[in-house]
Amino acid sequence: MINPLLTSKYEDEILDLIDNQDKYTRSDLQGIVTVLVNKIMEEGFKIISSQEKTKEKK
């Protein structure tokens, strides 16, 4: 499991989006979600790469 401290910023963004969804059109929400998913995937890739490098050093 990934450290919750690493995921809390994305959890906050998702919850904020849920709380304020009425302020956006469906198209706006789709764009925001797309950007958020890309950020999460990029961060996950960095974490996995870092873990693999740590394993290689051992």
PDB file of N, CA and C in Angstrom:
ATOM      1  N   MET A   1       0.841  -1.184   0.000  1.00  0.00           N
ATOM      2  CA  MET A   1       0.000   0.000   0.000  1.00  0.00           C
ATOM      3  C   MET A   1       0.886   1.248   0.000  1.00  0.00           C
ATOM      4  N   ILE A   2       0.445   2.237  -0.718  1.00  0.00           N
ATOM      5  CA  ILE A   2       1.183   3.504  -0.801  1.00  0.00           C
ATOM      6  C   ILE A   2       0.887   4.331   0.453  1.00  0.00           C
ATOM      7  N   ASN A   3       1.899   5.025   0.913  1.00  0.00           N
ATOM      8  CA  ASN A   3       1.776   5.876   2.085  1.00  0.00           C
ATOM      9  C   ASN A   3       0.625   6.877   1.893  1.00  0.00           C
ATOM     10  N   PRO A   4      -0.315   6.944   2.839  1.00  0.00           N
ATOM     11  CA  PRO A   4      -1.443   7.872   2.718  1.00  0.00           C
ATOM     12  C   PRO A   4      -1.027   9.337   2.586  1.00  0.00           C
ATOM     13  N   LEU A   5       0.146   9.682   3.078  1.00  0.00           N
ATOM     14  CA  LEU A   5       0.607  11.060   2.927  1.00  0.00           C
ATOM     15  C   LEU A   5       0.835  11.412   1.458  1.00  0.00           C
ATOM     16  N   LEU A   6       1.177  10.406   0.648  1.00  0.00           N
ATOM     17  CA  LEU A   6       1.396  10.639  -0.771  1.00  0.00           C
ATOM     18  C   LEU A   6       0.087  10.770  -1.540  1.00  0.00           C
ATOM     19  N   THR A   7      -0.972  10.212  -1.014  1.00  0.00           N
ATOM     20  CA  THR A   7      -2.245  10.223  -1.731  1.00  0.00           C
ATOM     21  C   THR A   7      -3.213  11.295  -1.232  1.00  0.00           C
ATOM     22  N   SER A   8      -2.946  11.876  -0.098  1.00  0.00           N
ATOM     23  CA  SER A   8      -3.914  12.805   0.495  1.00  0.00           C
ATOM     24  C   SER A   8      -4.191  14.017  -0.387  1.00  0.00           C
ATOM     25  N   LYS A   9      -3.180  14.507  -1.112  1.00  0.00           N
ATOM     26  CA  LYS A   9      -3.430  15.689  -1.943  1.00  0.00           C
ATOM     27  C   LYS A   9      -4.428  15.367  -3.056  1.00  0.00           C
ATOM     28  N   TYR A  10      -4.369  14.157  -3.588  1.00  0.00           N
ATOM     29  CA  TYR A  10      -5.314  13.775  -4.633  1.00  0.00           C
ATOM     30  C   TYR A  10      -6.690  13.499  -4.048  1.00  0.00           C
ATOM     31  N   GLU A  11      -6.719  12.929  -2.872  1.00  0.00           N
ATOM     32  CA  GLU A  11      -7.997  12.713  -2.201  1.00  0.00           C
ATOM     33  C   GLU A  11      -8.685  14.050  -1.964  1.00  0.00           C
ATOM     34  N   ASP A  12      -7.930  15.040  -1.519  1.00  0.00           N
ATOM     35  CA  ASP A  12      -8.494  16.368  -1.275  1.00  0.00           C
ATOM     36  C   ASP A  12      -9.033  16.984  -2.569  1.00  0.00           C
ATOM     37  N   GLU A  13      -8.290  16.843  -3.669  1.00  0.00           N
ATOM     38  CA  GLU A  13      -8.740  17.383  -4.955  1.00  0.00           C
ATOM     39  C   GLU A  13     -10.025  16.702  -5.412  1.00  0.00           C
ATOM     40  N   ILE A  14     -10.107  15.385  -5.244  1.00  0.00           N
ATOM     41  CA  ILE A  14     -11.300  14.647  -5.656  1.00  0.00           C
ATOM     42  C   ILE A  14     -12.502  15.063  -4.804  1.00  0.00           C
ATOM     43  N   LEU A  15     -12.303  15.147  -3.500  1.00  0.00           N
ATOM     44  CA  LEU A  15     -13.399  15.543  -2.616  1.00  0.00           C
ATOM     45  C   LEU A  15     -13.855  16.970  -2.899  1.00  0.00           C
ATOM     46  N   ASP A  16     -12.914  17.857  -3.184  1.00  0.00           N
ATOM     47  CA  ASP A  16     -13.256  19.235  -3.530  1.00  0.00           C
ATOM     48  C   ASP A  16     -14.071  19.274  -4.816  1.00  0.00           C
ATOM     49  N   LEU A  17     -13.670  18.466  -5.781  1.00  0.00           N
ATOM     50  CA  LEU A  17     -14.402  18.394  -7.040  1.00  0.00           C
ATOM     51  C   LEU A  17     -15.825  17.878  -6.817  1.00  0.00           C
ATOM     52  N   ILE A  18     -15.967  16.860  -5.983  1.00  0.00           N
ATOM     53  CA  ILE A  18     -17.299  16.328  -5.656  1.00  0.00           C
ATOM     54  C   ILE A  18     -18.155  17.403  -4.983  1.00  0.00           C
ATOM     55  N   ASP A  19     -17.549  18.104  -4.033  1.00  0.00           N
ATOM     56  CA  ASP A  19     -18.289  19.130  -3.297  1.00  0.00           C
ATOM     57  C   ASP A  19     -18.738  20.286  -4.194  1.00  0.00           C
ATOM     58  N   ASN A  20     -17.977  20.552  -5.246  1.00  0.00           N
ATOM     59  CA  ASN A  20     -18.248  21.712  -6.099  1.00  0.00           C
ATOM     60  C   ASN A  20     -18.679  21.348  -7.519  1.00  0.00           C
ATOM     61  N   GLN A  21     -19.126  20.121  -7.717  1.00  0.00           N
ATOM     62  CA  GLN A  21     -19.460  19.663  -9.061  1.00  0.00           C
ATOM     63  C   GLN A  21     -20.561  20.480  -9.726  1.00  0.00           C
ATOM     64  N   ASP A  22     -21.438  21.080  -8.939  1.00  0.00           N
ATOM     65  CA  ASP A  22     -22.529  21.872  -9.516  1.00  0.00           C
ATOM     66  C   ASP A  22     -22.030  23.160 -10.183  1.00  0.00           C
ATOM     67  N   LYS A  23     -20.804  23.540  -9.899  1.00  0.00           N
ATOM     68  CA  LYS A  23     -20.239  24.761 -10.476  1.00  0.00           C
ATOM     69  C   LYS A  23     -19.665  24.541 -11.875  1.00  0.00           C
ATOM     70  N   TYR A  24     -19.618  23.286 -12.321  1.00  0.00           N
ATOM     71  CA  TYR A  24     -18.973  22.957 -13.584  1.00  0.00           C
ATOM     72  C   TYR A  24     -19.949  22.288 -14.549  1.00  0.00           C
ATOM     73  N   THR A  25     -19.672  22.457 -15.836  1.00  0.00           N
ATOM     74  CA  THR A  25     -20.413  21.699 -16.837  1.00  0.00           C
ATOM     75  C   THR A  25     -19.838  20.290 -16.882  1.00  0.00           C
ATOM     76  N   ARG A  26     -20.552  19.386 -17.530  1.00  0.00           N
ATOM     77  CA  ARG A  26     -20.057  18.014 -17.667  1.00  0.00           C
ATOM     78  C   ARG A  26     -18.727  18.006 -18.415  1.00  0.00           C
ATOM     79  N   SER A  27     -18.610  18.833 -19.418  1.00  0.00           N
ATOM     80  CA  SER A  27     -17.371  18.920 -20.192  1.00  0.00           C
ATOM     81  C   SER A  27     -16.215  19.415 -19.324  1.00  0.00           C
ATOM     82  N   ASP A  28     -16.483  20.421 -18.497  1.00  0.00           N
ATOM     83  CA  ASP A  28     -15.457  20.919 -17.573  1.00  0.00           C
ATOM     84  C   ASP A  28     -15.021  19.819 -16.613  1.00  0.00           C
ATOM     85  N   LEU A  29     -16.001  19.086 -16.068  1.00  0.00           N
ATOM     86  CA  LEU A  29     -15.690  17.997 -15.142  1.00  0.00           C
ATOM     87  C   LEU A  29     -14.836  16.932 -15.819  1.00  0.00           C
ATOM     88  N   GLN A  30     -15.168  16.618 -17.065  1.00  0.00           N
ATOM     89  CA  GLN A  30     -14.392  15.620 -17.799  1.00  0.00           C
ATOM     90  C   GLN A  30     -12.948  16.081 -17.942  1.00  0.00           C
ATOM     91  N   GLY A  31     -12.750  17.343 -18.270  1.00  0.00           N
ATOM     92  CA  GLY A  31     -11.396  17.871 -18.399  1.00  0.00           C
ATOM     93  C   GLY A  31     -10.638  17.854 -17.091  1.00  0.00           C
ATOM     94  N   ILE A  32     -11.301  18.241 -16.019  1.00  0.00           N
ATOM     95  CA  ILE A  32     -10.666  18.257 -14.699  1.00  0.00           C
ATOM     96  C   ILE A  32     -10.292  16.844 -14.271  1.00  0.00           C
ATOM     97  N   VAL A  33     -11.208  15.893 -14.479  1.00  0.00           N
ATOM     98  CA  VAL A  33     -10.944  14.500 -14.111  1.00  0.00           C
ATOM     99  C   VAL A  33      -9.789  13.944 -14.945  1.00  0.00           C
ATOM    100  N   THR A  34      -9.752  14.267 -16.222  1.00  0.00           N
ATOM    101  CA  THR A  34      -8.659  13.796 -17.086  1.00  0.00           C
ATOM    102  C   THR A  34      -7.313  14.280 -16.571  1.00  0.00           C
ATOM    103  N   VAL A  35      -7.227  15.550 -16.233  1.00  0.00           N
ATOM    104  CA  VAL A  35      -5.980  16.105 -15.700  1.00  0.00           C
ATOM    105  C   VAL A  35      -5.615  15.431 -14.385  1.00  0.00           C
ATOM    106  N   LEU A  36      -6.588  15.234 -13.528  1.00  0.00           N
ATOM    107  CA  LEU A  36      -6.339  14.605 -12.232  1.00  0.00           C
ATOM    108  C   LEU A  36      -5.861  13.164 -12.390  1.00  0.00           C
ATOM    109  N   VAL A  37      -6.491  12.416 -13.285  1.00  0.00           N
ATOM    110  CA  VAL A  37      -6.064  11.032 -13.529  1.00  0.00           C
ATOM    111  C   VAL A  37      -4.632  11.012 -14.058  1.00  0.00           C
ATOM    112  N   ASN A  38      -4.303  11.914 -14.955  1.00  0.00           N
ATOM    113  CA  ASN A  38      -2.934  11.976 -15.480  1.00  0.00           C
ATOM    114  C   ASN A  38      -1.923  12.297 -14.382  1.00  0.00           C
ATOM    115  N   LYS A  39      -2.280  13.216 -13.486  1.00  0.00           N
ATOM    116  CA  LYS A  39      -1.388  13.538 -12.361  1.00  0.00           C
ATOM    117  C   LYS A  39      -1.164  12.315 -11.479  1.00  0.00           C
ATOM    118  N   ILE A  40      -2.246  11.590 -11.186  1.00  0.00           N
ATOM    119  CA  ILE A  40      -2.156  10.404 -10.335  1.00  0.00           C
ATOM    120  C   ILE A  40      -1.289   9.345 -11.000  1.00  0.00           C
ATOM    121  N   MET A  41      -1.500   9.133 -12.291  1.00  0.00           N
ATOM    122  CA  MET A  41      -0.715   8.123 -13.000  1.00  0.00           C
ATOM    123  C   MET A  41       0.757   8.515 -13.057  1.00  0.00           C
ATOM    124  N   GLU A  42       1.036   9.783 -13.283  1.00  0.00           N
ATOM    125  CA  GLU A  42       2.427  10.246 -13.330  1.00  0.00           C
ATOM    126  C   GLU A  42       3.108  10.064 -11.982  1.00  0.00           C
ATOM    127  N   GLU A  43       2.410  10.419 -10.918  1.00  0.00           N
ATOM    128  CA  GLU A  43       2.974  10.256  -9.568  1.00  0.00           C
ATOM    129  C   GLU A  43       3.190   8.776  -9.261  1.00  0.00           C
ATOM    130  N   GLY A  44       2.230   7.926  -9.657  1.00  0.00           N
ATOM    131  CA  GLY A  44       2.381   6.493  -9.450  1.00  0.00           C
ATOM    132  C   GLY A  44       3.581   5.931 -10.190  1.00  0.00           C
ATOM    133  N   PHE A  45       3.787   6.394 -11.412  1.00  0.00           N
ATOM    134  CA  PHE A  45       4.938   5.954 -12.190  1.00  0.00           C
ATOM    135  C   PHE A  45       6.242   6.344 -11.495  1.00  0.00           C
ATOM    136  N   LYS A  46       6.285   7.556 -10.957  1.00  0.00           N
ATOM    137  CA  LYS A  46       7.484   8.011 -10.235  1.00  0.00           C
ATOM    138  C   LYS A  46       7.739   7.138  -9.007  1.00  0.00           C
ATOM    139  N   ILE A  47       6.683   6.807  -8.286  1.00  0.00           N
ATOM    140  CA  ILE A  47       6.820   5.977  -7.086  1.00  0.00           C
ATOM    141  C   ILE A  47       7.331   4.591  -7.460  1.00  0.00           C
ATOM    142  N   ILE A  48       6.738   3.985  -8.487  1.00  0.00           N
ATOM    143  CA  ILE A  48       7.155   2.651  -8.917  1.00  0.00           C
ATOM    144  C   ILE A  48       8.604   2.673  -9.396  1.00  0.00           C
ATOM    145  N   SER A  49       8.972   3.678 -10.173  1.00  0.00           N
ATOM    146  CA  SER A  49      10.355   3.786 -10.663  1.00  0.00           C
ATOM    147  C   SER A  49      11.332   3.917  -9.504  1.00  0.00           C
ATOM    148  N   SER A  50      10.972   4.716  -8.524  1.00  0.00           N
ATOM    149  CA  SER A  50      11.823   4.904  -7.355  1.00  0.00           C
ATOM    150  C   SER A  50      11.975   3.604  -6.571  1.00  0.00           C
ATOM    151  N   GLN A  51      10.886   2.862  -6.425  1.00  0.00           N
ATOM    152  CA  GLN A  51      10.938   1.594  -5.699  1.00  0.00           C
ATOM    153  C   GLN A  51      11.801   0.580  -6.450  1.00  0.00           C
ATOM    154  N   GLU A  52      11.703   0.561  -7.765  1.00  0.00           N
ATOM    155  CA  GLU A  52      12.510  -0.372  -8.561  1.00  0.00           C
ATOM    156  C   GLU A  52      13.989  -0.038  -8.464  1.00  0.00           C
ATOM    157  N   LYS A  53      14.327   1.249  -8.466  1.00  0.00           N
ATOM    158  CA  LYS A  53      15.726   1.657  -8.338  1.00  0.00           C
ATOM    159  C   LYS A  53      16.279   1.259  -6.974  1.00  0.00           C
ATOM    160  N   THR A  54      15.444   1.378  -5.940  1.00  0.00           N
ATOM    161  CA  THR A  54      15.864   0.995  -4.599  1.00  0.00           C
ATOM    162  C   THR A  54      16.127  -0.509  -4.538  1.00  0.00           C
ATOM    163  N   LYS A  55      15.273  -1.300  -5.185  1.00  0.00           N
ATOM    164  CA  LYS A  55      15.460  -2.748  -5.195  1.00  0.00           C
ATOM    165  C   LYS A  55      16.714  -3.141  -5.946  1.00  0.00           C
ATOM    166  N   GLU A  56      17.041  -2.427  -7.026  1.00  0.00           N
ATOM    167  CA  GLU A  56      18.219  -2.748  -7.829  1.00  0.00           C
ATOM    168  C   GLU A  56      19.502  -2.514  -7.059  1.00  0.00           C
ATOM    169  N   LYS A  57      19.498  -1.548  -6.152  1.00  0.00           N
ATOM    170  CA  LYS A  57      20.692  -1.218  -5.374  1.00  0.00           C
ATOM    171  C   LYS A  57      21.004  -2.295  -4.331  1.00  0.00           C
ATOM    172  N   LYS A  58      20.009  -3.076  -3.959  1.00  0.00           N
ATOM    173  CA  LYS A  58      20.205  -4.080  -2.898  1.00  0.00           C
ATOM    174  C   LYS A  58      20.871  -5.309  -3.415  1.00  0.00           C
TER     175      LYS A  58
END
